[in-house]
Amino acid sequence: MMMRKFVFATALISVLLSGCSLDDDDPNFYFTSLTINSAELPESFKLNETYKINVTYTIPDECTHYEGLDVTKEDTTVRNVVAIGVSMTDDEACTEVNEEEEASFDFIVKYDQPYTFRFYKGDNSEGEPEFFEVVVPVE
């Protein structure tokens, strides 16, 4: 929940600093999930250690900007990871770019059980989110 508040506050600051007006009745942006293409994790974790987890995600067009990673706890050792973007709606020409970019987050190992990371890879044909999973044992 704290990460979502941070992502929203960061997006709001970005919009204000870019000179966009929030006085209009309709917002000129919306949040979107970005496709995560790959993730770099160690082969195993050690209890109480901190690890940097790197992800590669895709920016689809020039109107979409990266805002952060949303890491949510689904179960004791299951984490969902979604790259969050902000898409500006007042730009008429949104040229498709499909650029890969990288981001990372720090992860503290608090449990002695294997961790499952579920990385968002897009929506299926029914519009349901799909994930690829990486399981990391704890030594």
C-alpha atoms as a PDB file:
ATOM      1  CA  MET A   1       0.000   0.000   0.000  1.00  0.00           C
ATOM      2  CA  MET A   2       2.849   2.364   0.844  1.00  0.00           C
ATOM      3  CA  MET A   3       4.458   1.708  -2.564  1.00  0.00           C
ATOM      4  CA  ARG A   4       1.205   2.591  -4.348  1.00  0.00           C
ATOM      5  CA  LYS A   5       1.013   5.891  -2.448  1.00  0.00           C
ATOM      6  CA  PHE A   6       4.639   6.583  -3.369  1.00  0.00           C
ATOM      7  CA  VAL A   7       3.988   5.784  -7.049  1.00  0.00           C
ATOM      8  CA  PHE A   8       0.936   8.074  -7.093  1.00  0.00           C
ATOM      9  CA  ALA A   9       2.795  10.904  -5.330  1.00  0.00           C
ATOM     10  CA  THR A  10       5.734  10.533  -7.732  1.00  0.00           C
ATOM     11  CA  ALA A  11       3.398  10.630 -10.726  1.00  0.00           C
ATOM     12  CA  LEU A  12       1.632  13.698  -9.386  1.00  0.00           C
ATOM     13  CA  ILE A  13       4.924  15.507  -8.846  1.00  0.00           C
ATOM     14  CA  SER A  14       6.083  14.538 -12.338  1.00  0.00           C
ATOM     15  CA  VAL A  15       2.898  15.920 -13.849  1.00  0.00           C
ATOM     16  CA  LEU A  16       3.173  19.164 -11.891  1.00  0.00           C
ATOM     17  CA  LEU A  17       6.824  19.657 -12.789  1.00  0.00           C
ATOM     18  CA  SER A  18       6.196  18.986 -16.468  1.00  0.00           C
ATOM     19  CA  GLY A  19       3.816  21.945 -16.627  1.00  0.00           C
ATOM     20  CA  CYS A  20       0.627  19.961 -17.176  1.00  0.00           C
ATOM     21  CA  SER A  21      -2.483  21.495 -15.708  1.00  0.00           C
ATOM     22  CA  LEU A  22      -4.505  19.532 -13.185  1.00  0.00           C
ATOM     23  CA  ASP A  23      -7.225  22.215 -13.181  1.00  0.00           C
ATOM     24  CA  ASP A  24      -9.191  20.447 -15.919  1.00  0.00           C
ATOM     25  CA  ASP A  25     -12.064  18.172 -14.967  1.00  0.00           C
ATOM     26  CA  ASP A  26     -10.549  15.246 -16.869  1.00  0.00           C
ATOM     27  CA  PRO A  27      -7.138  13.924 -15.840  1.00  0.00           C
ATOM     28  CA  ASN A  28      -4.503  14.072 -18.571  1.00  0.00           C
ATOM     29  CA  PHE A  29      -2.818  10.812 -17.555  1.00  0.00           C
ATOM     30  CA  TYR A  30      -3.534   7.288 -16.383  1.00  0.00           C
ATOM     31  CA  PHE A  31      -1.470   4.586 -14.729  1.00  0.00           C
ATOM     32  CA  THR A  32      -0.625   1.500 -16.748  1.00  0.00           C
ATOM     33  CA  SER A  33       1.222  -1.766 -16.170  1.00  0.00           C
ATOM     34  CA  LEU A  34       4.376  -2.183 -18.237  1.00  0.00           C
ATOM     35  CA  THR A  35       5.517  -5.546 -19.564  1.00  0.00           C
ATOM     36  CA  ILE A  36       8.451  -7.053 -17.676  1.00  0.00           C
ATOM     37  CA  ASN A  37      10.630  -8.987 -20.112  1.00  0.00           C
ATOM     38  CA  SER A  38      13.220 -10.464 -17.771  1.00  0.00           C
ATOM     39  CA  ALA A  39      14.494 -10.453 -14.210  1.00  0.00           C
ATOM     40  CA  GLU A  40      17.902 -11.078 -12.653  1.00  0.00           C
ATOM     41  CA  LEU A  41      17.841 -12.919  -9.347  1.00  0.00           C
ATOM     42  CA  PRO A  42      20.509 -14.909  -7.509  1.00  0.00           C
ATOM     43  CA  GLU A  43      20.454 -18.711  -7.617  1.00  0.00           C
ATOM     44  CA  SER A  44      19.730 -18.721  -3.885  1.00  0.00           C
ATOM     45  CA  PHE A  45      19.159 -16.377  -0.955  1.00  0.00           C
ATOM     46  CA  LYS A  46      20.626 -16.280   2.541  1.00  0.00           C
ATOM     47  CA  LEU A  47      18.356 -15.477   5.456  1.00  0.00           C
ATOM     48  CA  ASN A  48      18.427 -11.812   6.622  1.00  0.00           C
ATOM     49  CA  GLU A  49      20.480 -10.673   3.611  1.00  0.00           C
ATOM     50  CA  THR A  50      19.480  -7.883   1.217  1.00  0.00           C
ATOM     51  CA  TYR A  51      19.567  -8.450  -2.551  1.00  0.00           C
ATOM     52  CA  LYS A  52      19.188  -6.111  -5.503  1.00  0.00           C
ATOM     53  CA  ILE A  53      16.700  -7.526  -8.014  1.00  0.00           C
ATOM     54  CA  ASN A  54      16.977  -6.171 -11.552  1.00  0.00           C
ATOM     55  CA  VAL A  55      14.153  -6.191 -14.086  1.00  0.00           C
ATOM     56  CA  THR A  56      13.952  -5.233 -17.749  1.00  0.00           C
ATOM     57  CA  TYR A  57      10.637  -3.740 -18.861  1.00  0.00           C
ATOM     58  CA  THR A  58       9.256  -2.193 -22.072  1.00  0.00           C
ATOM     59  CA  ILE A  59       8.134   1.399 -22.620  1.00  0.00           C
ATOM     60  CA  PRO A  60       5.516   1.063 -25.407  1.00  0.00           C
ATOM     61  CA  ASP A  61       5.361   4.642 -26.721  1.00  0.00           C
ATOM     62  CA  GLU A  62       6.599   8.210 -26.267  1.00  0.00           C
ATOM     63  CA  CYS A  63       3.559   9.130 -24.126  1.00  0.00           C
ATOM     64  CA  THR A  64       4.332   6.531 -21.453  1.00  0.00           C
ATOM     65  CA  HIS A  65       6.914   7.112 -18.724  1.00  0.00           C
ATOM     66  CA  TYR A  66       8.240   4.741 -16.078  1.00  0.00           C
ATOM     67  CA  GLU A  67       7.162   5.574 -12.510  1.00  0.00           C
ATOM     68  CA  GLY A  68       8.301   2.666 -10.364  1.00  0.00           C
ATOM     69  CA  LEU A  69       8.017  -0.966  -9.405  1.00  0.00           C
ATOM     70  CA  ASP A  70       5.068  -2.184  -7.385  1.00  0.00           C
ATOM     71  CA  VAL A  71       6.109  -5.211  -5.306  1.00  0.00           C
ATOM     72  CA  THR A  72       3.190  -6.747  -3.450  1.00  0.00           C
ATOM     73  CA  LYS A  73       3.119  -9.629  -0.991  1.00  0.00           C
ATOM     74  CA  GLU A  74       0.604 -12.216  -2.167  1.00  0.00           C
ATOM     75  CA  ASP A  75       1.545 -14.844   0.419  1.00  0.00           C
ATOM     76  CA  THR A  76       4.305 -15.331   2.990  1.00  0.00           C
ATOM     77  CA  THR A  77       6.995 -15.928   0.353  1.00  0.00           C
ATOM     78  CA  VAL A  78       5.178 -14.983  -2.857  1.00  0.00           C
ATOM     79  CA  ARG A  79       5.752 -11.536  -4.387  1.00  0.00           C
ATOM     80  CA  ASN A  80       4.056 -10.003  -7.432  1.00  0.00           C
ATOM     81  CA  VAL A  81       6.199  -7.479  -9.287  1.00  0.00           C
ATOM     82  CA  VAL A  82       4.675  -4.973 -11.710  1.00  0.00           C
ATOM     83  CA  ALA A  83       6.423  -2.104 -13.493  1.00  0.00           C
ATOM     84  CA  ILE A  84       4.165   0.964 -13.347  1.00  0.00           C
ATOM     85  CA  GLY A  85       4.009   3.606 -16.047  1.00  0.00           C
ATOM     86  CA  VAL A  86       2.105   6.846 -16.520  1.00  0.00           C
ATOM     87  CA  SER A  87       0.568   7.473 -19.938  1.00  0.00           C
ATOM     88  CA  MET A  88      -0.154  11.074 -20.881  1.00  0.00           C
ATOM     89  CA  THR A  89      -3.490  11.461 -22.675  1.00  0.00           C
ATOM     90  CA  ASP A  90      -3.037  15.000 -23.978  1.00  0.00           C
ATOM     91  CA  ASP A  91      -0.252  14.088 -26.405  1.00  0.00           C
ATOM     92  CA  GLU A  92      -1.758  13.707 -29.873  1.00  0.00           C
ATOM     93  CA  ALA A  93       1.174  11.867 -31.460  1.00  0.00           C
ATOM     94  CA  CYS A  94       2.280   8.895 -29.389  1.00  0.00           C
ATOM     95  CA  THR A  95       4.940   7.273 -31.493  1.00  0.00           C
ATOM     96  CA  GLU A  96       5.445   3.578 -30.738  1.00  0.00           C
ATOM     97  CA  VAL A  97       8.969   2.973 -29.412  1.00  0.00           C
ATOM     98  CA  ASN A  98       8.977  -0.383 -27.535  1.00  0.00           C
ATOM     99  CA  GLU A  99      12.188   0.533 -25.710  1.00  0.00           C
ATOM    100  CA  GLU A 100      13.615  -1.772 -23.091  1.00  0.00           C
ATOM    101  CA  GLU A 101      14.733  -0.130 -19.866  1.00  0.00           C
ATOM    102  CA  GLU A 102      15.997  -1.436 -16.547  1.00  0.00           C
ATOM    103  CA  ALA A 103      15.015  -0.882 -12.938  1.00  0.00           C
ATOM    104  CA  SER A 104      15.758  -2.570  -9.641  1.00  0.00           C
ATOM    105  CA  PHE A 105      14.523  -2.932  -6.091  1.00  0.00           C
ATOM    106  CA  ASP A 106      16.125  -4.125  -2.866  1.00  0.00           C
ATOM    107  CA  PHE A 107      14.716  -7.250  -1.298  1.00  0.00           C
ATOM    108  CA  ILE A 108      15.313  -8.449   2.290  1.00  0.00           C
ATOM    109  CA  VAL A 109      15.035 -12.199   2.916  1.00  0.00           C
ATOM    110  CA  LYS A 110      12.972 -12.643   6.086  1.00  0.00           C
ATOM    111  CA  TYR A 111      11.824 -16.262   5.805  1.00  0.00           C
ATOM    112  CA  ASP A 112      13.755 -19.519   5.448  1.00  0.00           C
ATOM    113  CA  GLN A 113      11.374 -20.884   2.785  1.00  0.00           C
ATOM    114  CA  PRO A 114      11.822 -20.568  -1.010  1.00  0.00           C
ATOM    115  CA  TYR A 115      10.540 -17.281  -2.464  1.00  0.00           C
ATOM    116  CA  THR A 116       8.377 -17.156  -5.590  1.00  0.00           C
ATOM    117  CA  PHE A 117       8.545 -13.953  -7.617  1.00  0.00           C
ATOM    118  CA  ARG A 118       5.757 -13.422 -10.151  1.00  0.00           C
ATOM    119  CA  PHE A 119       6.693 -10.820 -12.787  1.00  0.00           C
ATOM    120  CA  TYR A 120       3.932  -9.209 -14.865  1.00  0.00           C
ATOM    121  CA  LYS A 121       4.386 -10.041 -18.560  1.00  0.00           C
ATOM    122  CA  GLY A 122       1.157  -8.616 -19.993  1.00  0.00           C
ATOM    123  CA  ASP A 123      -2.488  -9.548 -20.343  1.00  0.00           C
ATOM    124  CA  ASN A 124      -3.787 -12.650 -22.107  1.00  0.00           C
ATOM    125  CA  SER A 125      -6.497 -12.628 -24.788  1.00  0.00           C
ATOM    126  CA  GLU A 126      -9.217 -12.448 -22.086  1.00  0.00           C
ATOM    127  CA  GLY A 127      -7.575  -9.379 -20.540  1.00  0.00           C
ATOM    128  CA  GLU A 128      -6.318 -11.295 -17.498  1.00  0.00           C
ATOM    129  CA  PRO A 129      -2.807 -10.538 -16.209  1.00  0.00           C
ATOM    130  CA  GLU A 130      -0.112 -13.131 -16.886  1.00  0.00           C
ATOM    131  CA  PHE A 131       3.127 -13.594 -14.961  1.00  0.00           C
ATOM    132  CA  PHE A 132       6.363 -15.478 -15.326  1.00  0.00           C
ATOM    133  CA  GLU A 133       7.657 -17.020 -12.121  1.00  0.00           C
ATOM    134  CA  VAL A 134      11.101 -17.372 -10.635  1.00  0.00           C
ATOM    135  CA  VAL A 135      11.591 -19.463  -7.497  1.00  0.00           C
ATOM    136  CA  VAL A 136      14.651 -18.735  -5.359  1.00  0.00           C
ATOM    137  CA  PRO A 137      15.560 -21.162  -2.558  1.00  0.00           C
ATOM    138  CA  VAL A 138      16.859 -19.919   0.793  1.00  0.00           C
ATOM    139  CA  GLU A 139      20.020 -21.554   2.108  1.00  0.00           C
END
